[in-house]
Amino acid sequence: MLRNANPVNMVSRADFCIGYGPWAEPQVAGVREFLPGHNSCYKRNLLLAYGDRLESMMEAETVLHWDLRAQGHQLWLEPCARIAHVNFWRWSTWLRVQFHAGRVFAAARAANGGWPFWRRALFTAASPLIPLVRLWRLRRQAQGAWAALSIGLALDGLGQGVGYSCGAGNSREILARYEYHRED
């Protein structure tokens, strides 16, 4: 179960909502469609079975979760496991992160799914709808951060459109710099 470690402003609350809203406290233990990325644990043998594909599967853990479920595995949310997540809170950083995170996710989803050109083109064309769908899904967790949430999701959708059409580019490296130096 997750909570926002730094709910200092609307950006931090929106970042938490986008990244971890579905798993925010309170939660009930049970099987889920997917789990919080970068805050989940796995059976070692399941990960090792991916071999050379593991690194790309871990780039966007939702893709890994979907693949594990497709193989018949269950994903369990345990609310006794708790974490306080430090979120981005500066507009300048967070806006860049939303774009690059969307781009990396879409590229990983298409690459790991072996998507043909026509499917990538379809998702590229539909990418302007992504923010609307995600905003609807996150409406209960918005925590008074509607404006930031809308802007962040719009940039994520733009990033996904670029990721589906052009791949990840250098977004992995850019995103890693922000993720590993989050507190700075």
Foldseek 3Di string as FASTA:
>chain_A
DEAAPPPPDLLSLLQCLLQPVVPYPDDDKDWDLFHRQPPADDDPVVLCVCPPCNVLCNLAVNLVSNVCVVVVDTDIDDRVDYDHDHGADDPVLLLLLLLLSLLSVLLSNCVVVVHDLVVLVVLLVCLQCQLVVVCVVSVVSSVPNVVSNSSSRNSSSNSNSCNSNPNNPCSSVVNVVCVVPVVD
